[in-house]
Protein backbone atom coordinates (compact mmCIF):
# COMPACT_ATOMS: atom_id res chain seq x y z
CA MET A 1 6.42 -31.08 5.13
CA PRO A 2 10.07 -31.64 5.91
CA THR A 3 11.09 -30.53 9.39
CA GLY A 4 14.79 -30.08 8.77
CA VAL A 5 14.70 -27.42 6.05
CA HIS A 6 16.85 -24.45 7.03
CA LEU A 7 15.59 -21.06 5.87
CA ARG A 8 18.19 -18.41 5.38
CA ASP A 9 16.62 -15.10 6.49
CA ALA A 10 13.55 -17.04 7.61
CA ARG A 11 11.42 -14.00 8.44
CA GLN A 12 11.76 -12.54 4.95
CA GLN A 13 11.16 -15.89 3.28
CA LEU A 14 8.02 -16.38 5.38
CA PHE A 15 6.83 -12.89 4.44
CA ASP A 16 7.45 -13.62 0.77
CA ALA A 17 5.57 -16.91 1.06
CA ALA A 18 2.66 -15.14 2.77
CA GLU A 19 2.56 -12.58 -0.02
CA ARG A 20 2.31 -15.32 -2.65
CA VAL A 21 -0.51 -17.03 -0.73
CA LEU A 22 -2.33 -13.73 -0.27
CA LEU A 23 -2.15 -12.88 -3.97
CA ARG A 24 -3.19 -16.35 -5.03
CA ASP A 25 -5.81 -17.29 -2.41
CA GLY A 26 -6.85 -14.00 -0.82
CA PRO A 27 -7.07 -13.12 2.90
CA ASN A 28 -9.22 -16.15 3.73
CA GLY A 29 -6.53 -18.49 2.42
CA LEU A 30 -3.77 -16.92 4.49
CA THR A 31 -3.19 -19.31 7.39
CA SER A 32 -0.04 -20.26 9.23
CA ARG A 33 -0.15 -23.70 7.61
CA ALA A 34 -0.56 -22.19 4.14
CA VAL A 35 2.42 -19.89 4.74
CA THR A 36 4.76 -22.61 5.98
CA ASP A 37 3.63 -25.00 3.23
CA GLU A 38 4.37 -22.28 0.67
CA ALA A 39 7.77 -21.63 2.26
CA GLY A 40 8.53 -25.35 2.33
CA CYS A 41 9.24 -25.50 6.05
CA ALA A 42 7.77 -26.92 9.25
CA LYS A 43 4.99 -24.95 10.95
CA GLY A 44 7.21 -24.55 14.01
CA VAL A 45 9.58 -22.30 12.03
CA LEU A 46 6.99 -19.53 11.95
CA HIS A 47 6.35 -19.79 15.69
CA ARG A 48 10.08 -19.77 16.39
CA HIS A 49 10.22 -16.22 15.00
CA PHE A 50 6.76 -14.93 15.98
CA PRO A 51 4.76 -15.57 19.17
CA ASP A 52 1.50 -16.05 17.22
CA PHE A 53 0.02 -15.64 13.76
CA ASP A 54 -1.25 -12.10 14.37
CA ALA A 55 2.29 -11.08 15.33
CA PHE A 56 3.48 -12.58 12.05
CA LEU A 57 0.80 -10.70 10.09
CA THR A 58 1.71 -7.46 11.87
CA GLY A 59 5.32 -7.95 10.80
CA LEU A 60 4.23 -8.71 7.25
CA VAL A 61 2.09 -5.58 6.96
CA LEU A 62 4.74 -3.31 8.47
CA ASP A 63 7.41 -4.80 6.19
CA ARG A 64 5.30 -4.21 3.08
CA ALA A 65 4.27 -0.74 4.28
CA THR A 66 7.94 0.18 4.67
CA GLN A 67 8.50 -0.80 1.05
CA LEU A 68 5.99 1.89 0.06
CA GLU A 69 8.26 4.53 1.60
CA ALA A 70 10.54 4.43 -1.45
CA GLN A 71 7.57 5.15 -3.70
CA ALA A 72 6.42 7.93 -1.37
CA GLY A 73 9.90 9.45 -1.48
CA ALA A 74 9.99 9.32 -5.27
CA LEU A 75 6.63 11.08 -5.40
CA ARG A 76 7.81 13.87 -3.09
CA GLU A 77 10.95 14.33 -5.19
CA SER A 78 8.88 14.61 -8.36
CA ALA A 79 7.26 17.85 -7.15
CA GLY A 80 7.97 20.59 -9.67
CA THR A 81 8.84 18.16 -12.47
CA GLY A 82 6.67 16.68 -15.21
CA THR A 83 2.98 17.33 -14.69
CA VAL A 84 0.99 16.99 -11.49
CA VAL A 85 -1.48 14.65 -13.19
CA ASP A 86 1.27 12.39 -14.57
CA ASN A 87 3.09 12.24 -11.22
CA LEU A 88 -0.06 11.32 -9.30
CA THR A 89 -1.18 8.80 -11.92
CA ALA A 90 2.14 6.96 -11.59
CA ALA A 91 2.05 7.19 -7.79
CA LEU A 92 -1.48 5.83 -7.41
CA THR A 93 -0.69 2.97 -9.79
CA GLY A 94 2.28 1.97 -7.62
CA LEU A 95 0.78 2.65 -4.20
CA PHE A 96 -2.25 0.53 -5.07
CA GLY A 97 -0.41 -2.30 -6.79
CA PRO A 98 -1.49 -5.93 -6.27
CA VAL A 99 0.26 -6.47 -2.93
CA PRO A 100 -0.99 -3.34 -1.12
CA VAL A 101 -4.51 -3.93 -2.44
CA ALA A 102 -4.43 -7.53 -1.18
CA ILE A 103 -3.20 -6.46 2.26
CA ILE A 104 -5.90 -3.84 2.90
CA PRO A 105 -8.83 -6.32 3.31
CA LEU A 106 -6.61 -8.48 5.52
CA ILE A 107 -6.27 -5.51 7.89
CA THR A 108 -9.93 -4.59 7.59
CA PHE A 109 -11.26 -7.97 8.66
CA ARG A 110 -8.80 -8.83 11.46
CA ASP A 111 -9.53 -6.76 14.56
CA GLU A 112 -6.49 -8.04 16.45
CA LEU A 113 -4.21 -7.15 13.53
CA ARG A 114 -5.56 -3.59 13.42
CA ALA A 115 -5.06 -3.26 17.17
CA ARG A 116 -1.46 -4.41 16.94
CA LEU A 117 -0.75 -2.10 14.02
CA ARG A 118 -2.09 0.83 16.03
CA GLN A 119 0.27 -0.11 18.86
CA ALA A 120 3.21 -0.49 16.48
CA THR A 121 2.94 2.85 14.70
CA PRO A 122 0.86 6.03 15.07
CA GLY A 123 -2.11 5.90 12.70
CA GLY A 124 -1.10 2.36 11.78
CA GLY A 125 -4.52 0.79 12.19
CA ILE A 126 -5.09 0.94 8.47
CA ALA A 127 -1.50 0.66 7.32
CA ILE A 128 -0.99 0.95 3.54
CA LEU A 129 -3.91 3.39 3.24
CA ALA A 130 -2.20 5.55 5.86
CA GLN A 131 1.08 5.48 3.93
CA ALA A 132 -0.68 6.34 0.67
CA THR A 133 -2.57 9.21 2.32
CA THR A 134 0.59 10.68 3.85
CA ALA A 135 2.50 10.43 0.56
CA ILE A 136 -0.23 12.05 -1.56
CA SER A 137 -0.86 14.81 0.97
CA ALA A 138 2.84 15.69 1.24
CA TYR A 139 3.18 15.77 -2.53
CA LEU A 140 0.15 18.02 -3.03
CA ALA A 141 1.39 20.37 -0.31
CA ALA A 142 4.78 20.59 -2.03
CA GLU A 143 3.15 21.35 -5.38
CA ARG A 144 1.02 24.05 -3.73
CA GLU A 145 4.18 25.63 -2.32
CA LEU A 146 5.62 25.61 -5.84
CA GLY A 147 2.50 27.27 -7.22
CA ARG A 148 1.44 24.32 -9.38
CA ILE A 149 -1.60 23.68 -7.17
CA ALA A 150 -3.94 26.57 -6.37
CA ALA A 151 -3.11 28.35 -3.11
CA ASP A 152 -6.65 27.85 -1.80
CA ALA A 153 -6.79 24.14 -2.70
CA ASP A 154 -8.14 21.91 0.08
CA ILE A 155 -5.27 19.42 0.32
CA ASP A 156 -7.07 17.12 2.77
CA SER A 157 -10.15 16.77 0.54
CA LEU A 158 -8.08 16.27 -2.60
CA THR A 159 -6.01 13.61 -0.84
CA LEU A 160 -9.07 11.70 0.37
CA SER A 161 -10.60 11.81 -3.10
CA LEU A 162 -7.42 10.55 -4.76
CA VAL A 163 -6.68 7.82 -2.21
CA GLY A 164 -10.30 6.67 -1.98
CA GLY A 165 -10.78 6.75 -5.73
CA GLY A 166 -7.46 5.04 -6.38
CA HIS A 167 -8.31 2.28 -3.94
CA LEU A 168 -11.78 1.73 -5.41
CA LEU A 169 -10.35 1.50 -8.91
CA SER A 170 -7.87 -1.12 -7.74
CA VAL A 171 -9.95 -3.40 -5.52
CA ASP A 172 -11.62 -5.26 -8.38
CA ARG A 173 -8.60 -7.14 -9.69
CA GLU A 174 -10.61 -9.00 -12.33
CA PRO A 175 -9.60 -8.92 -15.13
CA GLY A 176 -6.59 -7.09 -13.70
CA PRO A 177 -5.39 -3.76 -12.28
CA PRO A 178 -6.91 -0.54 -13.64
CA THR A 179 -5.42 0.87 -16.81
CA THR A 180 -3.21 3.93 -16.69
CA ALA A 181 -5.91 5.74 -18.66
CA ALA A 182 -8.51 4.96 -15.97
CA VAL A 183 -6.24 6.21 -13.18
CA ARG A 184 -5.36 9.34 -15.17
CA LYS A 185 -9.07 10.04 -15.74
CA LEU A 186 -9.66 9.90 -11.99
CA VAL A 187 -6.71 12.16 -11.18
CA THR A 188 -7.69 14.67 -13.86
CA ALA A 189 -11.26 14.85 -12.56
CA VAL A 190 -10.24 15.25 -8.91
CA LEU A 191 -7.71 17.98 -9.71
CA ALA A 192 -9.83 19.76 -12.33
CA ASN A 193 -10.16 22.96 -10.28
CA ALA A 194 -6.91 22.71 -8.33
CA VAL A 195 -4.13 22.42 -10.91
CA ARG A 196 -2.90 25.81 -12.04
CA ARG A 197 -2.43 25.97 -15.77
CA ARG A 198 0.42 27.89 -17.26
CA PRO A 199 -0.59 30.84 -19.41
CA ALA A 200 -0.46 30.06 -23.12
């Protein structure tokens, strides 16, 4: 690898390279050498910006988790519009896209990464899942306030069912992500007794 390649916004380029490696080779293929090879730079570039590889991975996860905030915000703003099932189907499809789904096992199997994420942000030990849970819960609470979810609905249980089910649907990426129909079927089943139907 060339040693004189200058990376403009090196941190972001390294994160993008890590994402490509993660999607292509999975968590086991994500090494510092694989990242710098993918970015086309010397290995020392990564260590110039991060004290060690777990610090780099912590930055990667937090960066990608922050990107989910826009999707979470869009979900909250959709309360009261469209249908609850449609809104949640779209949200789960986005929140459990290829990148978040690839990051979750990385967090699960690296104890030091989980520890650093917990230090970096409250409840951050399982980042991505935490963001998805917060977004879905806030949305359901907003819809309950608007009367589109039953007043006695157990928001915590509904959220766990939607997040857990959405994740399970998405983890098997062969032959690809779940269809919209499959996600909608899950959402419809989970919310069967919670969504208030308008009188005919």
